[in-house]
Amino acid sequence: MILSDKRILEEIEKETIKIKPYSREFLGSNSYDVHLGKHLATYKDKTLDAKKHNEINHFEIPEEGFVLQPGELYLGVTEEYTETHVHVPFLEGKSSTGRLGIDIHATAGKGDVGFCGNWT
């Protein structure tokens, strides 16, 4: 069941859902908008091998912003830390971002009951 904004607020009050930092302005009618954090990573090699450890370059997005390069895979993390103790959390992109050709996730849009952490 997808929770309404009222129910999300009730669950936050009961602490079965935690969002840090939290701001009421980002609560939608049945969702909460999380944000890209300031750290990104890219793979050093363009060809990835699932049977080995693929080296990663980590960097911080500068204050003036960062232009994504075509053909590059970026790994990001949410600014918000979340906990969901009795609900299955979902992470979905916004249509405005999708129209720019940016995918929020490839296959891992659902968390587990009890998930605690930042989304990557």
N, C-alpha and C. Protein backbone atom coordinates (compact mmCIF):
# COMPACT_ATOMS: atom_id res chain seq x y z
N MET A 1 0.83 -1.17 0.00
CA MET A 1 0.00 0.00 0.00
C MET A 1 0.89 1.24 0.00
N ILE A 2 0.59 2.19 -0.86
CA ILE A 2 1.30 3.46 -0.91
C ILE A 2 0.66 4.38 0.12
N LEU A 3 1.48 5.01 0.93
CA LEU A 3 0.98 5.85 2.01
C LEU A 3 0.65 7.26 1.52
N SER A 4 -0.40 7.84 2.08
CA SER A 4 -0.75 9.23 1.80
C SER A 4 0.17 10.14 2.61
N ASP A 5 0.16 11.43 2.27
CA ASP A 5 0.98 12.38 3.02
C ASP A 5 0.60 12.38 4.51
N LYS A 6 -0.69 12.31 4.79
CA LYS A 6 -1.16 12.27 6.17
C LYS A 6 -0.61 11.05 6.90
N ARG A 7 -0.64 9.92 6.22
CA ARG A 7 -0.14 8.68 6.84
C ARG A 7 1.38 8.72 7.00
N ILE A 8 2.08 9.30 6.02
CA ILE A 8 3.54 9.44 6.15
C ILE A 8 3.86 10.27 7.39
N LEU A 9 3.13 11.37 7.58
CA LEU A 9 3.34 12.22 8.76
C LEU A 9 3.06 11.45 10.05
N GLU A 10 2.01 10.64 10.05
CA GLU A 10 1.69 9.82 11.23
C GLU A 10 2.83 8.84 11.53
N GLU A 11 3.37 8.22 10.48
CA GLU A 11 4.45 7.25 10.67
C GLU A 11 5.73 7.95 11.13
N ILE A 12 5.98 9.16 10.65
CA ILE A 12 7.13 9.94 11.13
C ILE A 12 6.95 10.25 12.61
N GLU A 13 5.74 10.63 12.98
CA GLU A 13 5.43 10.93 14.39
C GLU A 13 5.67 9.69 15.27
N LYS A 14 5.31 8.51 14.77
CA LYS A 14 5.49 7.25 15.51
C LYS A 14 6.93 6.75 15.41
N GLU A 15 7.74 7.40 14.56
CA GLU A 15 9.14 7.04 14.32
C GLU A 15 9.30 5.69 13.64
N THR A 16 8.27 5.22 12.93
CA THR A 16 8.43 4.03 12.10
C THR A 16 9.01 4.43 10.74
N ILE A 17 8.95 5.72 10.42
CA ILE A 17 9.65 6.30 9.27
C ILE A 17 10.48 7.46 9.81
N LYS A 18 11.75 7.48 9.44
CA LYS A 18 12.63 8.60 9.82
C LYS A 18 13.28 9.14 8.55
N ILE A 19 13.35 10.45 8.45
CA ILE A 19 14.00 11.13 7.33
C ILE A 19 14.83 12.27 7.92
N LYS A 20 16.15 12.25 7.65
CA LYS A 20 17.04 13.29 8.18
C LYS A 20 18.00 13.74 7.09
N PRO A 21 18.05 15.00 6.74
CA PRO A 21 17.20 16.08 7.23
C PRO A 21 15.79 15.96 6.64
N TYR A 22 14.82 16.48 7.37
CA TYR A 22 13.42 16.46 6.95
C TYR A 22 12.92 17.89 6.82
N SER A 23 12.15 18.15 5.76
CA SER A 23 11.49 19.45 5.59
C SER A 23 10.10 19.19 5.02
N ARG A 24 9.11 19.74 5.66
CA ARG A 24 7.70 19.54 5.25
C ARG A 24 7.48 19.92 3.79
N GLU A 25 8.25 20.87 3.27
CA GLU A 25 8.05 21.33 1.89
C GLU A 25 8.32 20.23 0.86
N PHE A 26 9.03 19.18 1.22
CA PHE A 26 9.35 18.11 0.28
C PHE A 26 8.41 16.91 0.38
N LEU A 27 7.38 17.03 1.22
CA LEU A 27 6.38 15.98 1.34
C LEU A 27 5.31 16.18 0.28
N GLY A 28 5.14 15.17 -0.58
CA GLY A 28 4.10 15.22 -1.61
C GLY A 28 2.84 14.54 -1.13
N SER A 29 1.88 14.39 -2.01
CA SER A 29 0.60 13.78 -1.63
C SER A 29 0.74 12.30 -1.26
N ASN A 30 1.77 11.63 -1.78
CA ASN A 30 2.02 10.23 -1.41
C ASN A 30 3.50 9.88 -1.53
N SER A 31 4.37 10.87 -1.26
CA SER A 31 5.80 10.64 -1.41
C SER A 31 6.58 11.71 -0.65
N TYR A 32 7.88 11.49 -0.57
CA TYR A 32 8.79 12.50 -0.03
C TYR A 32 9.93 12.63 -1.02
N ASP A 33 10.24 13.86 -1.43
CA ASP A 33 11.31 14.09 -2.40
C ASP A 33 12.66 14.13 -1.70
N VAL A 34 13.51 13.15 -2.02
CA VAL A 34 14.89 13.16 -1.52
C VAL A 34 15.77 13.86 -2.56
N HIS A 35 16.99 14.17 -2.17
CA HIS A 35 17.87 14.97 -3.01
C HIS A 35 19.22 14.30 -3.18
N LEU A 36 19.85 14.59 -4.31
CA LEU A 36 21.20 14.09 -4.56
C LEU A 36 22.16 14.76 -3.59
N GLY A 37 22.96 13.95 -2.93
CA GLY A 37 23.98 14.48 -2.03
C GLY A 37 25.14 15.08 -2.81
N LYS A 38 26.16 15.55 -2.09
CA LYS A 38 27.25 16.26 -2.75
C LYS A 38 28.38 15.35 -3.23
N HIS A 39 28.27 14.05 -2.98
CA HIS A 39 29.33 13.12 -3.40
C HIS A 39 28.87 12.25 -4.56
N LEU A 40 29.73 12.11 -5.56
CA LEU A 40 29.50 11.23 -6.71
C LEU A 40 30.69 10.32 -6.88
N ALA A 41 30.49 9.28 -7.66
CA ALA A 41 31.58 8.37 -7.98
C ALA A 41 31.40 7.90 -9.42
N THR A 42 32.52 7.58 -10.05
CA THR A 42 32.52 7.00 -11.39
C THR A 42 33.48 5.81 -11.37
N TYR A 43 33.27 4.89 -12.28
CA TYR A 43 34.19 3.76 -12.41
C TYR A 43 35.41 4.20 -13.20
N LYS A 44 36.60 3.71 -12.79
CA LYS A 44 37.84 4.06 -13.49
C LYS A 44 37.86 3.47 -14.89
N ASP A 45 37.41 2.22 -15.03
CA ASP A 45 37.39 1.57 -16.34
C ASP A 45 36.02 1.73 -16.99
N LYS A 46 36.00 1.85 -18.29
CA LYS A 46 34.74 1.96 -19.03
C LYS A 46 34.06 0.60 -19.17
N THR A 47 34.85 -0.48 -19.14
CA THR A 47 34.31 -1.84 -19.20
C THR A 47 34.31 -2.42 -17.80
N LEU A 48 33.15 -2.84 -17.33
CA LEU A 48 33.01 -3.37 -15.97
C LEU A 48 32.92 -4.89 -16.01
N ASP A 49 33.54 -5.53 -15.04
CA ASP A 49 33.55 -6.98 -14.94
C ASP A 49 32.89 -7.37 -13.62
N ALA A 50 31.75 -8.05 -13.68
CA ALA A 50 31.01 -8.43 -12.48
C ALA A 50 31.76 -9.44 -11.62
N LYS A 51 32.80 -10.07 -12.18
CA LYS A 51 33.56 -11.07 -11.44
C LYS A 51 34.74 -10.48 -10.68
N LYS A 52 34.96 -9.17 -10.80
CA LYS A 52 36.10 -8.58 -10.09
C LYS A 52 35.67 -7.27 -9.43
N HIS A 53 36.55 -6.77 -8.59
CA HIS A 53 36.32 -5.47 -7.95
C HIS A 53 36.65 -4.39 -8.98
N ASN A 54 35.70 -3.55 -9.27
CA ASN A 54 35.90 -2.46 -10.22
C ASN A 54 36.26 -1.19 -9.44
N GLU A 55 37.41 -0.61 -9.78
CA GLU A 55 37.89 0.56 -9.05
C GLU A 55 37.00 1.78 -9.32
N ILE A 56 36.84 2.59 -8.28
CA ILE A 56 35.94 3.74 -8.34
C ILE A 56 36.70 5.02 -8.01
N ASN A 57 36.38 6.09 -8.73
CA ASN A 57 36.86 7.44 -8.43
C ASN A 57 35.75 8.17 -7.67
N HIS A 58 36.06 8.71 -6.51
CA HIS A 58 35.09 9.47 -5.71
C HIS A 58 35.41 10.95 -5.84
N PHE A 59 34.37 11.79 -5.90
CA PHE A 59 34.60 13.23 -5.92
C PHE A 59 33.39 13.96 -5.38
N GLU A 60 33.61 15.20 -5.03
CA GLU A 60 32.54 16.04 -4.48
C GLU A 60 32.07 17.01 -5.55
N ILE A 61 30.76 17.20 -5.64
CA ILE A 61 30.20 18.15 -6.59
C ILE A 61 30.57 19.56 -6.12
N PRO A 62 31.22 20.36 -6.97
CA PRO A 62 31.61 21.71 -6.55
C PRO A 62 30.40 22.61 -6.33
N GLU A 63 30.59 23.69 -5.60
CA GLU A 63 29.51 24.64 -5.30
C GLU A 63 28.84 25.15 -6.57
N GLU A 64 29.63 25.36 -7.63
CA GLU A 64 29.07 25.91 -8.88
C GLU A 64 28.32 24.87 -9.70
N GLY A 65 28.33 23.62 -9.25
CA GLY A 65 27.62 22.56 -9.96
C GLY A 65 28.56 21.68 -10.76
N PHE A 66 27.97 20.75 -11.49
CA PHE A 66 28.76 19.76 -12.23
C PHE A 66 27.97 19.35 -13.47
N VAL A 67 28.63 19.30 -14.61
CA VAL A 67 27.98 18.89 -15.86
C VAL A 67 28.22 17.40 -16.06
N LEU A 68 27.14 16.64 -16.18
CA LEU A 68 27.25 15.20 -16.44
C LEU A 68 27.72 14.98 -17.87
N GLN A 69 28.63 14.04 -18.05
CA GLN A 69 29.17 13.74 -19.37
C GLN A 69 28.43 12.57 -20.00
N PRO A 70 28.13 12.64 -21.29
CA PRO A 70 27.44 11.53 -21.96
C PRO A 70 28.25 10.24 -21.88
N GLY A 71 27.56 9.13 -21.72
CA GLY A 71 28.20 7.83 -21.71
C GLY A 71 28.90 7.48 -20.40
N GLU A 72 28.85 8.34 -19.43
CA GLU A 72 29.50 8.10 -18.14
C GLU A 72 28.46 7.61 -17.14
N LEU A 73 28.83 6.60 -16.36
CA LEU A 73 27.95 6.09 -15.31
C LEU A 73 28.34 6.76 -14.00
N TYR A 74 27.38 7.43 -13.38
CA TYR A 74 27.61 8.12 -12.11
C TYR A 74 26.89 7.39 -11.00
N LEU A 75 27.56 7.24 -9.88
CA LEU A 75 26.97 6.67 -8.69
C LEU A 75 26.80 7.81 -7.69
N GLY A 76 25.59 8.00 -7.22
CA GLY A 76 25.32 9.07 -6.27
C GLY A 76 24.71 8.52 -5.00
N VAL A 77 24.55 9.39 -4.05
CA VAL A 77 23.95 9.03 -2.77
C VAL A 77 23.00 10.15 -2.36
N THR A 78 21.91 9.78 -1.71
CA THR A 78 20.95 10.80 -1.29
C THR A 78 21.51 11.63 -0.14
N GLU A 79 21.08 12.88 -0.11
CA GLU A 79 21.40 13.75 1.02
C GLU A 79 20.70 13.24 2.28
N GLU A 80 19.51 12.71 2.10
CA GLU A 80 18.70 12.27 3.24
C GLU A 80 19.05 10.85 3.69
N TYR A 81 19.11 10.69 4.99
CA TYR A 81 19.21 9.39 5.64
C TYR A 81 17.78 8.97 5.96
N THR A 82 17.42 7.73 5.65
CA THR A 82 16.05 7.28 5.92
C THR A 82 16.05 5.97 6.71
N GLU A 83 14.98 5.79 7.47
CA GLU A 83 14.72 4.53 8.14
C GLU A 83 13.25 4.19 7.91
N THR A 84 12.97 2.94 7.58
CA THR A 84 11.60 2.47 7.41
C THR A 84 11.47 1.14 8.14
N HIS A 85 10.86 1.18 9.32
CA HIS A 85 10.86 0.01 10.19
C HIS A 85 9.72 -0.96 9.96
N VAL A 86 8.62 -0.52 9.35
CA VAL A 86 7.50 -1.43 9.10
C VAL A 86 6.97 -1.31 7.67
N HIS A 87 7.64 -0.53 6.85
CA HIS A 87 7.18 -0.32 5.47
C HIS A 87 8.31 -0.61 4.49
N VAL A 88 7.95 -1.01 3.28
CA VAL A 88 8.93 -1.19 2.20
C VAL A 88 9.11 0.16 1.51
N PRO A 89 10.31 0.72 1.54
CA PRO A 89 10.53 2.01 0.88
C PRO A 89 10.77 1.85 -0.62
N PHE A 90 10.35 2.84 -1.38
CA PHE A 90 10.57 2.87 -2.83
C PHE A 90 11.35 4.13 -3.17
N LEU A 91 12.21 4.03 -4.16
CA LEU A 91 12.93 5.19 -4.69
C LEU A 91 12.62 5.28 -6.17
N GLU A 92 11.97 6.35 -6.57
CA GLU A 92 11.62 6.55 -7.97
C GLU A 92 12.08 7.93 -8.41
N GLY A 93 12.36 8.06 -9.69
CA GLY A 93 12.76 9.35 -10.23
C GLY A 93 11.56 10.24 -10.50
N LYS A 94 11.86 11.49 -10.72
CA LYS A 94 10.81 12.45 -11.09
C LYS A 94 10.76 12.52 -12.61
N SER A 95 9.59 12.77 -13.16
CA SER A 95 9.45 12.81 -14.62
C SER A 95 10.30 13.91 -15.24
N SER A 96 10.48 15.02 -14.54
CA SER A 96 11.29 16.11 -15.07
C SER A 96 12.75 15.68 -15.25
N THR A 97 13.25 14.85 -14.36
CA THR A 97 14.61 14.32 -14.48
C THR A 97 14.67 13.26 -15.57
N GLY A 98 13.67 12.42 -15.64
CA GLY A 98 13.61 11.38 -16.67
C GLY A 98 13.59 11.95 -18.07
N ARG A 99 12.91 13.08 -18.25
CA ARG A 99 12.86 13.71 -19.58
C ARG A 99 14.22 14.23 -20.01
N LEU A 100 15.15 14.36 -19.07
CA LEU A 100 16.52 14.76 -19.40
C LEU A 100 17.40 13.54 -19.68
N GLY A 101 16.80 12.35 -19.60
CA GLY A 101 17.55 11.12 -19.86
C GLY A 101 18.33 10.62 -18.66
N ILE A 102 17.98 11.09 -17.48
CA ILE A 102 18.69 10.69 -16.27
C ILE A 102 17.86 9.66 -15.52
N ASP A 103 18.45 8.47 -15.32
CA ASP A 103 17.81 7.41 -14.54
C ASP A 103 18.25 7.53 -13.09
N ILE A 104 17.32 7.38 -12.19
CA ILE A 104 17.63 7.46 -10.77
C ILE A 104 18.22 6.13 -10.27
N HIS A 105 17.76 5.04 -10.81
CA HIS A 105 18.31 3.73 -10.47
C HIS A 105 18.11 2.80 -11.65
N ALA A 106 18.95 1.77 -11.72
CA ALA A 106 18.83 0.81 -12.81
C ALA A 106 17.92 -0.35 -12.42
N THR A 107 18.08 -0.89 -11.22
CA THR A 107 17.28 -2.05 -10.83
C THR A 107 16.90 -2.08 -9.37
N ALA A 108 17.37 -1.16 -8.57
CA ALA A 108 17.20 -1.27 -7.12
C ALA A 108 16.31 -0.18 -6.55
N GLY A 109 15.08 -0.11 -7.01
CA GLY A 109 14.16 0.92 -6.57
C GLY A 109 13.41 0.62 -5.30
N LYS A 110 13.56 -0.59 -4.77
CA LYS A 110 12.87 -0.96 -3.54
C LYS A 110 13.90 -1.27 -2.46
N GLY A 111 13.62 -0.80 -1.26
CA GLY A 111 14.43 -1.16 -0.10
C GLY A 111 13.76 -2.29 0.65
N ASP A 112 14.35 -2.70 1.73
CA ASP A 112 13.79 -3.74 2.58
C ASP A 112 13.13 -3.12 3.80
N VAL A 113 12.15 -3.81 4.35
CA VAL A 113 11.60 -3.40 5.64
C VAL A 113 12.78 -3.34 6.61
N GLY A 114 12.89 -2.26 7.34
CA GLY A 114 14.00 -2.10 8.26
C GLY A 114 15.21 -1.42 7.66
N PHE A 115 15.13 -1.02 6.38
CA PHE A 115 16.26 -0.33 5.75
C PHE A 115 16.58 0.94 6.52
N CYS A 116 17.85 1.14 6.82
CA CYS A 116 18.33 2.35 7.50
C CYS A 116 19.58 2.81 6.77
N GLY A 117 19.54 3.99 6.17
CA GLY A 117 20.72 4.50 5.49
C GLY A 117 20.38 5.52 4.44
N ASN A 118 21.42 5.95 3.73
CA ASN A 118 21.25 6.82 2.57
C ASN A 118 21.13 5.92 1.35
N TRP A 119 20.33 6.34 0.39
CA TRP A 119 20.14 5.57 -0.84
C TRP A 119 21.30 5.84 -1.78
N THR A 120 21.81 4.78 -2.42
CA THR A 120 22.88 4.95 -3.41
C THR A 120 22.39 4.50 -4.77
